[in-house]
Amino acid sequence: MKTRWMDAIKTEAASCGTEMPWERGARRRAMMTRRKSAELKIAAERARARIAVYAAV
């Protein structure tokens, strides 16, 4: 019983064609670029806020 169920799961998983974002390739590079861009924007905003605080002092 367990092996038949497990075989069915393995067959279904093998036939699945959905690409995940962490898979290698162009989609992965695009995802990493978006993430890095967002991190850089946040860092720039924090830097501007620190400069504004020090300028006010």
PDB file of N, CA and C in Angstrom:
ATOM      1  N   MET A   1       0.829  -1.196   0.000  1.00  0.00           N
ATOM      2  CA  MET A   1       0.000   0.000   0.000  1.00  0.00           C
ATOM      3  C   MET A   1       0.873   1.260   0.000  1.00  0.00           C
ATOM      4  N   LYS A   2       1.862   1.312   0.905  1.00  0.00           N
ATOM      5  CA  LYS A   2       2.708   2.498   0.977  1.00  0.00           C
ATOM      6  C   LYS A   2       3.517   2.686  -0.297  1.00  0.00           C
ATOM      7  N   THR A   3       4.045   1.612  -0.837  1.00  0.00           N
ATOM      8  CA  THR A   3       4.868   1.754  -2.036  1.00  0.00           C
ATOM      9  C   THR A   3       4.042   2.200  -3.223  1.00  0.00           C
ATOM     10  N   ARG A   4       2.808   1.744  -3.320  1.00  0.00           N
ATOM     11  CA  ARG A   4       1.959   2.162  -4.432  1.00  0.00           C
ATOM     12  C   ARG A   4       1.653   3.658  -4.305  1.00  0.00           C
ATOM     13  N   TRP A   5       1.371   4.099  -3.089  1.00  0.00           N
ATOM     14  CA  TRP A   5       1.105   5.518  -2.850  1.00  0.00           C
ATOM     15  C   TRP A   5       2.354   6.346  -3.162  1.00  0.00           C
ATOM     16  N   MET A   6       3.514   5.875  -2.692  1.00  0.00           N
ATOM     17  CA  MET A   6       4.759   6.600  -2.917  1.00  0.00           C
ATOM     18  C   MET A   6       5.095   6.634  -4.403  1.00  0.00           C
ATOM     19  N   ASP A   7       4.873   5.542  -5.113  1.00  0.00           N
ATOM     20  CA  ASP A   7       5.127   5.512  -6.556  1.00  0.00           C
ATOM     21  C   ASP A   7       4.232   6.513  -7.279  1.00  0.00           C
ATOM     22  N   ALA A   8       2.972   6.617  -6.854  1.00  0.00           N
ATOM     23  CA  ALA A   8       2.054   7.575  -7.469  1.00  0.00           C
ATOM     24  C   ALA A   8       2.522   9.008  -7.226  1.00  0.00           C
ATOM     25  N   ILE A   9       3.013   9.286  -6.019  1.00  0.00           N
ATOM     26  CA  ILE A   9       3.506  10.627  -5.695  1.00  0.00           C
ATOM     27  C   ILE A   9       4.737  10.953  -6.533  1.00  0.00           C
ATOM     28  N   LYS A  10       5.658  10.000  -6.638  1.00  0.00           N
ATOM     29  CA  LYS A  10       6.879  10.227  -7.422  1.00  0.00           C
ATOM     30  C   LYS A  10       6.559  10.452  -8.891  1.00  0.00           C
ATOM     31  N   THR A  11       5.604   9.697  -9.430  1.00  0.00           N
ATOM     32  CA  THR A  11       5.208   9.860 -10.829  1.00  0.00           C
ATOM     33  C   THR A  11       4.600  11.243 -11.057  1.00  0.00           C
ATOM     34  N   GLU A  12       3.747  11.666 -10.144  1.00  0.00           N
ATOM     35  CA  GLU A  12       3.119  12.983 -10.264  1.00  0.00           C
ATOM     36  C   GLU A  12       4.159  14.097 -10.148  1.00  0.00           C
ATOM     37  N   ALA A  13       5.081  13.961  -9.225  1.00  0.00           N
ATOM     38  CA  ALA A  13       6.124  14.976  -9.057  1.00  0.00           C
ATOM     39  C   ALA A  13       7.010  15.063 -10.292  1.00  0.00           C
ATOM     40  N   ALA A  14       7.317  13.930 -10.898  1.00  0.00           N
ATOM     41  CA  ALA A  14       8.157  13.923 -12.094  1.00  0.00           C
ATOM     42  C   ALA A  14       7.455  14.572 -13.281  1.00  0.00           C
ATOM     43  N   SER A  15       6.134  14.479 -13.325  1.00  0.00           N
ATOM     44  CA  SER A  15       5.398  15.036 -14.456  1.00  0.00           C
ATOM     45  C   SER A  15       5.089  16.521 -14.275  1.00  0.00           C
ATOM     46  N   CYS A  16       5.332  17.057 -13.102  1.00  0.00           N
ATOM     47  CA  CYS A  16       5.045  18.464 -12.823  1.00  0.00           C
ATOM     48  C   CYS A  16       6.023  19.339 -13.606  1.00  0.00           C
ATOM     49  N   GLY A  17       5.515  20.306 -14.346  1.00  0.00           N
ATOM     50  CA  GLY A  17       6.363  21.153 -15.180  1.00  0.00           C
ATOM     51  C   GLY A  17       6.518  22.565 -14.667  1.00  0.00           C
ATOM     52  N   THR A  18       6.024  22.847 -13.474  1.00  0.00           N
ATOM     53  CA  THR A  18       6.103  24.193 -12.927  1.00  0.00           C
ATOM     54  C   THR A  18       7.534  24.522 -12.535  1.00  0.00           C
ATOM     55  N   GLU A  19       8.033  25.656 -13.014  1.00  0.00           N
ATOM     56  CA  GLU A  19       9.384  26.073 -12.670  1.00  0.00           C
ATOM     57  C   GLU A  19       9.330  26.885 -11.385  1.00  0.00           C
ATOM     58  N   MET A  20      10.220  26.592 -10.490  1.00  0.00           N
ATOM     59  CA  MET A  20      10.304  27.317  -9.237  1.00  0.00           C
ATOM     60  C   MET A  20      11.286  28.481  -9.382  1.00  0.00           C
ATOM     61  N   PRO A  21      11.076  29.569  -8.633  1.00  0.00           N
ATOM     62  CA  PRO A  21      11.942  30.742  -8.786  1.00  0.00           C
ATOM     63  C   PRO A  21      13.395  30.485  -8.447  1.00  0.00           C
ATOM     64  N   TRP A  22      13.670  29.505  -7.610  1.00  0.00           N
ATOM     65  CA  TRP A  22      15.060  29.257  -7.208  1.00  0.00           C
ATOM     66  C   TRP A  22      15.797  28.351  -8.173  1.00  0.00           C
ATOM     67  N   GLU A  23      15.138  27.892  -9.219  1.00  0.00           N
ATOM     68  CA  GLU A  23      15.817  27.063 -10.206  1.00  0.00           C
ATOM     69  C   GLU A  23      16.814  27.909 -10.985  1.00  0.00           C
ATOM     70  N   ARG A  24      17.815  27.279 -11.514  1.00  0.00           N
ATOM     71  CA  ARG A  24      18.852  27.987 -12.260  1.00  0.00           C
ATOM     72  C   ARG A  24      18.286  28.550 -13.561  1.00  0.00           C
ATOM     73  N   GLY A  25      18.862  29.633 -14.007  1.00  0.00           N
ATOM     74  CA  GLY A  25      18.468  30.174 -15.293  1.00  0.00           C
ATOM     75  C   GLY A  25      18.112  31.646 -15.225  1.00  0.00           C
ATOM     76  N   ALA A  26      17.501  32.115 -16.288  1.00  0.00           N
ATOM     77  CA  ALA A  26      17.183  33.536 -16.435  1.00  0.00           C
ATOM     78  C   ALA A  26      16.182  34.005 -15.392  1.00  0.00           C
ATOM     79  N   ARG A  27      15.206  33.177 -15.069  1.00  0.00           N
ATOM     80  CA  ARG A  27      14.213  33.574 -14.068  1.00  0.00           C
ATOM     81  C   ARG A  27      14.865  33.778 -12.707  1.00  0.00           C
ATOM     82  N   ARG A  28      15.810  32.912 -12.375  1.00  0.00           N
ATOM     83  CA  ARG A  28      16.499  33.032 -11.091  1.00  0.00           C
ATOM     84  C   ARG A  28      17.332  34.308 -11.047  1.00  0.00           C
ATOM     85  N   ARG A  29      18.041  34.597 -12.125  1.00  0.00           N
ATOM     86  CA  ARG A  29      18.835  35.826 -12.174  1.00  0.00           C
ATOM     87  C   ARG A  29      17.944  37.060 -12.050  1.00  0.00           C
ATOM     88  N   ALA A  30      16.793  37.035 -12.706  1.00  0.00           N
ATOM     89  CA  ALA A  30      15.868  38.170 -12.629  1.00  0.00           C
ATOM     90  C   ALA A  30      15.352  38.347 -11.203  1.00  0.00           C
ATOM     91  N   MET A  31      15.030  37.250 -10.540  1.00  0.00           N
ATOM     92  CA  MET A  31      14.544  37.326  -9.168  1.00  0.00           C
ATOM     93  C   MET A  31      15.628  37.904  -8.256  1.00  0.00           C
ATOM     94  N   MET A  32      16.865  37.447  -8.433  1.00  0.00           N
ATOM     95  CA  MET A  32      17.957  37.940  -7.597  1.00  0.00           C
ATOM     96  C   MET A  32      18.236  39.413  -7.859  1.00  0.00           C
ATOM     97  N   THR A  33      18.104  39.849  -9.099  1.00  0.00           N
ATOM     98  CA  THR A  33      18.303  41.256  -9.446  1.00  0.00           C
ATOM     99  C   THR A  33      17.238  42.126  -8.794  1.00  0.00           C
ATOM    100  N   ARG A  34      15.983  41.673  -8.846  1.00  0.00           N
ATOM    101  CA  ARG A  34      14.901  42.428  -8.193  1.00  0.00           C
ATOM    102  C   ARG A  34      15.141  42.537  -6.697  1.00  0.00           C
ATOM    103  N   ARG A  35      15.545  41.451  -6.074  1.00  0.00           N
ATOM    104  CA  ARG A  35      15.787  41.456  -4.631  1.00  0.00           C
ATOM    105  C   ARG A  35      16.927  42.400  -4.284  1.00  0.00           C
ATOM    106  N   LYS A  36      18.014  42.332  -5.050  1.00  0.00           N
ATOM    107  CA  LYS A  36      19.169  43.194  -4.784  1.00  0.00           C
ATOM    108  C   LYS A  36      18.800  44.659  -4.990  1.00  0.00           C
ATOM    109  N   SER A  37      18.006  44.945  -6.016  1.00  0.00           N
ATOM    110  CA  SER A  37      17.576  46.310  -6.285  1.00  0.00           C
ATOM    111  C   SER A  37      16.759  46.858  -5.116  1.00  0.00           C
ATOM    112  N   ALA A  38      15.862  46.044  -4.593  1.00  0.00           N
ATOM    113  CA  ALA A  38      15.039  46.471  -3.461  1.00  0.00           C
ATOM    114  C   ALA A  38      15.900  46.720  -2.231  1.00  0.00           C
ATOM    115  N   GLU A  39      16.892  45.857  -1.993  1.00  0.00           N
ATOM    116  CA  GLU A  39      17.782  46.032  -0.852  1.00  0.00           C
ATOM    117  C   GLU A  39      18.586  47.320  -0.983  1.00  0.00           C
ATOM    118  N   LEU A  40      19.039  47.637  -2.198  1.00  0.00           N
ATOM    119  CA  LEU A  40      19.807  48.858  -2.413  1.00  0.00           C
ATOM    120  C   LEU A  40      18.950  50.101  -2.192  1.00  0.00           C
ATOM    121  N   LYS A  41      17.693  50.055  -2.619  1.00  0.00           N
ATOM    122  CA  LYS A  41      16.790  51.186  -2.407  1.00  0.00           C
ATOM    123  C   LYS A  41      16.578  51.436  -0.922  1.00  0.00           C
ATOM    124  N   ILE A  42      16.376  50.368  -0.161  1.00  0.00           N
ATOM    125  CA  ILE A  42      16.168  50.501   1.289  1.00  0.00           C
ATOM    126  C   ILE A  42      17.420  51.069   1.945  1.00  0.00           C
ATOM    127  N   ALA A  43      18.578  50.595   1.547  1.00  0.00           N
ATOM    128  CA  ALA A  43      19.837  51.085   2.115  1.00  0.00           C
ATOM    129  C   ALA A  43      20.036  52.563   1.801  1.00  0.00           C
ATOM    130  N   ALA A  44      19.693  52.979   0.589  1.00  0.00           N
ATOM    131  CA  ALA A  44      19.832  54.384   0.208  1.00  0.00           C
ATOM    132  C   ALA A  44      18.892  55.267   1.019  1.00  0.00           C
ATOM    133  N   GLU A  45      17.659  54.797   1.241  1.00  0.00           N
ATOM    134  CA  GLU A  45      16.703  55.564   2.041  1.00  0.00           C
ATOM    135  C   GLU A  45      17.195  55.711   3.478  1.00  0.00           C
ATOM    136  N   ARG A  46      17.741  54.650   4.038  1.00  0.00           N
ATOM    137  CA  ARG A  46      18.268  54.710   5.407  1.00  0.00           C
ATOM    138  C   ARG A  46      19.448  55.668   5.483  1.00  0.00           C
ATOM    139  N   ALA A  47      20.302  55.663   4.474  1.00  0.00           N
ATOM    140  CA  ALA A  47      21.458  56.556   4.463  1.00  0.00           C
ATOM    141  C   ALA A  47      21.002  58.011   4.393  1.00  0.00           C
ATOM    142  N   ARG A  48      20.000  58.287   3.554  1.00  0.00           N
ATOM    143  CA  ARG A  48      19.475  59.649   3.463  1.00  0.00           C
ATOM    144  C   ARG A  48      18.868  60.095   4.788  1.00  0.00           C
ATOM    145  N   ALA A  49      18.197  59.197   5.464  1.00  0.00           N
ATOM    146  CA  ALA A  49      17.584  59.526   6.767  1.00  0.00           C
ATOM    147  C   ALA A  49      18.666  59.828   7.800  1.00  0.00           C
ATOM    148  N   ARG A  50      19.759  59.061   7.803  1.00  0.00           N
ATOM    149  CA  ARG A  50      20.853  59.318   8.741  1.00  0.00           C
ATOM    150  C   ARG A  50      21.513  60.656   8.456  1.00  0.00           C
ATOM    151  N   ILE A  51      21.678  60.958   7.183  1.00  0.00           N
ATOM    152  CA  ILE A  51      22.292  62.245   6.805  1.00  0.00           C
ATOM    153  C   ILE A  51      21.393  63.391   7.255  1.00  0.00           C
ATOM    154  N   ALA A  52      20.104  63.241   7.096  1.00  0.00           N
ATOM    155  CA  ALA A  52      19.167  64.290   7.507  1.00  0.00           C
ATOM    156  C   ALA A  52      19.211  64.494   9.017  1.00  0.00           C
ATOM    157  N   VAL A  53      19.340  63.411   9.775  1.00  0.00           N
ATOM    158  CA  VAL A  53      19.414  63.531  11.231  1.00  0.00           C
ATOM    159  C   VAL A  53      20.685  64.255  11.633  1.00  0.00           C
ATOM    160  N   TYR A  54      21.811  63.893  11.026  1.00  0.00           N
ATOM    161  CA  TYR A  54      23.076  64.541  11.370  1.00  0.00           C
ATOM    162  C   TYR A  54      23.112  65.981  10.886  1.00  0.00           C
ATOM    163  N   ALA A  55      22.473  66.301   9.812  1.00  0.00           N
ATOM    164  CA  ALA A  55      22.446  67.657   9.294  1.00  0.00           C
ATOM    165  C   ALA A  55      21.617  68.562  10.207  1.00  0.00           C
ATOM    166  N   ALA A  56      20.603  67.992  10.846  1.00  0.00           N
ATOM    167  CA  ALA A  56      19.738  68.775  11.713  1.00  0.00           C
ATOM    168  C   ALA A  56      20.415  69.084  13.054  1.00  0.00           C
ATOM    169  N   VAL A  57      21.434  68.319  13.404  1.00  0.00           N
ATOM    170  CA  VAL A  57      22.096  68.510  14.703  1.00  0.00           C
ATOM    171  C   VAL A  57      23.066  69.607  14.665  1.00  0.00           C
TER     172      VAL A  57
END
